[in-house]
Amino acid sequence: MLDFIKGFFKFFFSLALIVSVVVGVGVAVFAYVFKKDFEDIERRTKEIVSDIESGNE
């Protein structure tokens, strides 16, 4: 019975470790992609603002 409990906890904590690593990598990839998209949006916004400002002068 004690071996079953040890095996269960070992399995449970191993599964929790694997899931947390996978989720962490997923969050890191999502943050990298979001940052890249955000920088592209920021660059386009600056181009639009500079076009508007140059048109007003």
N, C-alpha and C. Protein backbone atom coordinates (compact mmCIF):
# COMPACT_ATOMS: atom_id res chain seq x y z
N MET A 1 0.83 -1.20 0.00
CA MET A 1 0.00 0.00 0.00
C MET A 1 0.87 1.26 0.00
N LEU A 2 1.96 1.22 0.79
CA LEU A 2 2.84 2.37 0.87
C LEU A 2 3.55 2.62 -0.46
N ASP A 3 3.89 1.52 -1.15
CA ASP A 3 4.52 1.67 -2.47
C ASP A 3 3.56 2.31 -3.46
N PHE A 4 2.28 1.96 -3.36
CA PHE A 4 1.28 2.55 -4.25
C PHE A 4 1.17 4.05 -4.01
N ILE A 5 1.17 4.47 -2.76
CA ILE A 5 1.07 5.89 -2.42
C ILE A 5 2.31 6.63 -2.91
N LYS A 6 3.49 6.04 -2.71
CA LYS A 6 4.73 6.66 -3.20
C LYS A 6 4.70 6.79 -4.72
N GLY A 7 4.28 5.74 -5.39
CA GLY A 7 4.19 5.78 -6.85
C GLY A 7 3.20 6.81 -7.34
N PHE A 8 2.06 6.89 -6.64
CA PHE A 8 1.05 7.87 -7.02
C PHE A 8 1.57 9.30 -6.89
N PHE A 9 2.22 9.60 -5.77
CA PHE A 9 2.75 10.95 -5.57
C PHE A 9 3.89 11.25 -6.56
N LYS A 10 4.72 10.26 -6.84
CA LYS A 10 5.80 10.45 -7.81
C LYS A 10 5.20 10.75 -9.19
N PHE A 11 4.18 9.99 -9.57
CA PHE A 11 3.50 10.23 -10.85
C PHE A 11 2.85 11.61 -10.88
N PHE A 12 2.16 11.95 -9.80
CA PHE A 12 1.44 13.23 -9.74
C PHE A 12 2.40 14.41 -9.84
N PHE A 13 3.49 14.37 -9.08
CA PHE A 13 4.43 15.49 -9.11
C PHE A 13 5.22 15.53 -10.41
N SER A 14 5.50 14.39 -11.00
CA SER A 14 6.15 14.37 -12.32
C SER A 14 5.24 14.98 -13.37
N LEU A 15 3.98 14.62 -13.33
CA LEU A 15 3.00 15.18 -14.27
C LEU A 15 2.86 16.69 -14.06
N ALA A 16 2.83 17.13 -12.82
CA ALA A 16 2.73 18.56 -12.52
C ALA A 16 3.95 19.30 -13.03
N LEU A 17 5.13 18.72 -12.89
CA LEU A 17 6.36 19.34 -13.37
C LEU A 17 6.35 19.46 -14.89
N ILE A 18 5.96 18.39 -15.57
CA ILE A 18 5.91 18.41 -17.03
C ILE A 18 4.90 19.44 -17.53
N VAL A 19 3.73 19.48 -16.92
CA VAL A 19 2.71 20.44 -17.33
C VAL A 19 3.18 21.86 -17.08
N SER A 20 3.82 22.13 -15.95
CA SER A 20 4.28 23.49 -15.67
C SER A 20 5.38 23.92 -16.64
N VAL A 21 6.25 23.00 -17.03
CA VAL A 21 7.30 23.33 -18.00
C VAL A 21 6.68 23.64 -19.36
N VAL A 22 5.72 22.81 -19.78
CA VAL A 22 5.06 23.03 -21.08
C VAL A 22 4.30 24.36 -21.07
N VAL A 23 3.61 24.65 -20.00
CA VAL A 23 2.88 25.92 -19.91
C VAL A 23 3.85 27.09 -19.89
N GLY A 24 4.96 26.97 -19.18
CA GLY A 24 5.96 28.04 -19.15
C GLY A 24 6.54 28.32 -20.51
N VAL A 25 6.86 27.27 -21.25
CA VAL A 25 7.39 27.45 -22.61
C VAL A 25 6.33 28.09 -23.50
N GLY A 26 5.10 27.65 -23.36
CA GLY A 26 4.00 28.24 -24.15
C GLY A 26 3.83 29.71 -23.87
N VAL A 27 3.90 30.10 -22.62
CA VAL A 27 3.77 31.51 -22.25
C VAL A 27 4.94 32.32 -22.82
N ALA A 28 6.13 31.76 -22.76
CA ALA A 28 7.31 32.46 -23.29
C ALA A 28 7.18 32.67 -24.80
N VAL A 29 6.73 31.66 -25.52
CA VAL A 29 6.55 31.78 -26.97
C VAL A 29 5.46 32.80 -27.27
N PHE A 30 4.36 32.74 -26.53
CA PHE A 30 3.27 33.71 -26.74
C PHE A 30 3.76 35.13 -26.48
N ALA A 31 4.53 35.34 -25.42
CA ALA A 31 5.03 36.68 -25.11
C ALA A 31 5.97 37.17 -26.20
N TYR A 32 6.82 36.31 -26.73
CA TYR A 32 7.73 36.70 -27.81
C TYR A 32 6.95 37.11 -29.06
N VAL A 33 5.96 36.31 -29.44
CA VAL A 33 5.16 36.63 -30.63
C VAL A 33 4.37 37.91 -30.41
N PHE A 34 3.77 38.07 -29.23
CA PHE A 34 3.00 39.28 -28.93
C PHE A 34 3.89 40.51 -28.96
N LYS A 35 5.11 40.41 -28.41
CA LYS A 35 6.03 41.55 -28.42
C LYS A 35 6.39 41.93 -29.84
N LYS A 36 6.63 40.93 -30.68
CA LYS A 36 6.98 41.18 -32.08
C LYS A 36 5.82 41.88 -32.80
N ASP A 37 4.60 41.40 -32.60
CA ASP A 37 3.44 42.04 -33.21
C ASP A 37 3.23 43.45 -32.67
N PHE A 38 3.43 43.63 -31.37
CA PHE A 38 3.24 44.94 -30.77
C PHE A 38 4.25 45.94 -31.33
N GLU A 39 5.50 45.52 -31.52
CA GLU A 39 6.51 46.41 -32.10
C GLU A 39 6.14 46.78 -33.53
N ASP A 40 5.58 45.85 -34.29
CA ASP A 40 5.16 46.13 -35.66
C ASP A 40 4.01 47.13 -35.66
N ILE A 41 3.04 46.96 -34.76
CA ILE A 41 1.92 47.91 -34.66
C ILE A 41 2.43 49.28 -34.25
N GLU A 42 3.38 49.33 -33.33
CA GLU A 42 3.94 50.61 -32.88
C GLU A 42 4.66 51.32 -34.03
N ARG A 43 5.41 50.56 -34.82
CA ARG A 43 6.13 51.14 -35.97
C ARG A 43 5.14 51.70 -36.99
N ARG A 44 4.09 50.94 -37.29
CA ARG A 44 3.09 51.42 -38.25
C ARG A 44 2.37 52.67 -37.73
N THR A 45 2.09 52.69 -36.44
CA THR A 45 1.42 53.85 -35.85
C THR A 45 2.31 55.09 -35.96
N LYS A 46 3.60 54.94 -35.71
CA LYS A 46 4.52 56.07 -35.84
C LYS A 46 4.58 56.56 -37.28
N GLU A 47 4.56 55.65 -38.26
CA GLU A 47 4.56 56.05 -39.67
C GLU A 47 3.29 56.82 -40.01
N ILE A 48 2.14 56.36 -39.53
CA ILE A 48 0.88 57.04 -39.80
C ILE A 48 0.88 58.43 -39.19
N VAL A 49 1.36 58.54 -37.95
CA VAL A 49 1.39 59.84 -37.27
C VAL A 49 2.34 60.79 -38.00
N SER A 50 3.48 60.30 -38.44
CA SER A 50 4.42 61.19 -39.13
C SER A 50 3.85 61.61 -40.49
N ASP A 51 3.11 60.72 -41.18
CA ASP A 51 2.46 61.11 -42.43
C ASP A 51 1.41 62.18 -42.20
N ILE A 52 0.64 62.05 -41.15
CA ILE A 52 -0.38 63.04 -40.83
C ILE A 52 0.25 64.37 -40.48
N GLU A 53 1.30 64.32 -39.67
CA GLU A 53 1.99 65.57 -39.27
C GLU A 53 2.63 66.25 -40.47
N SER A 54 3.20 65.49 -41.38
CA SER A 54 3.82 66.11 -42.56
C SER A 54 2.76 66.66 -43.51
N GLY A 55 1.58 66.10 -43.50
CA GLY A 55 0.49 66.61 -44.33
C GLY A 55 -0.12 67.88 -43.78
N ASN A 56 -0.02 68.09 -42.49
CA ASN A 56 -0.60 69.27 -41.86
C ASN A 56 0.31 70.49 -42.01
N GLU A 57 1.57 70.29 -42.35
CA GLU A 57 2.50 71.44 -42.40
C GLU A 57 2.45 72.12 -43.73
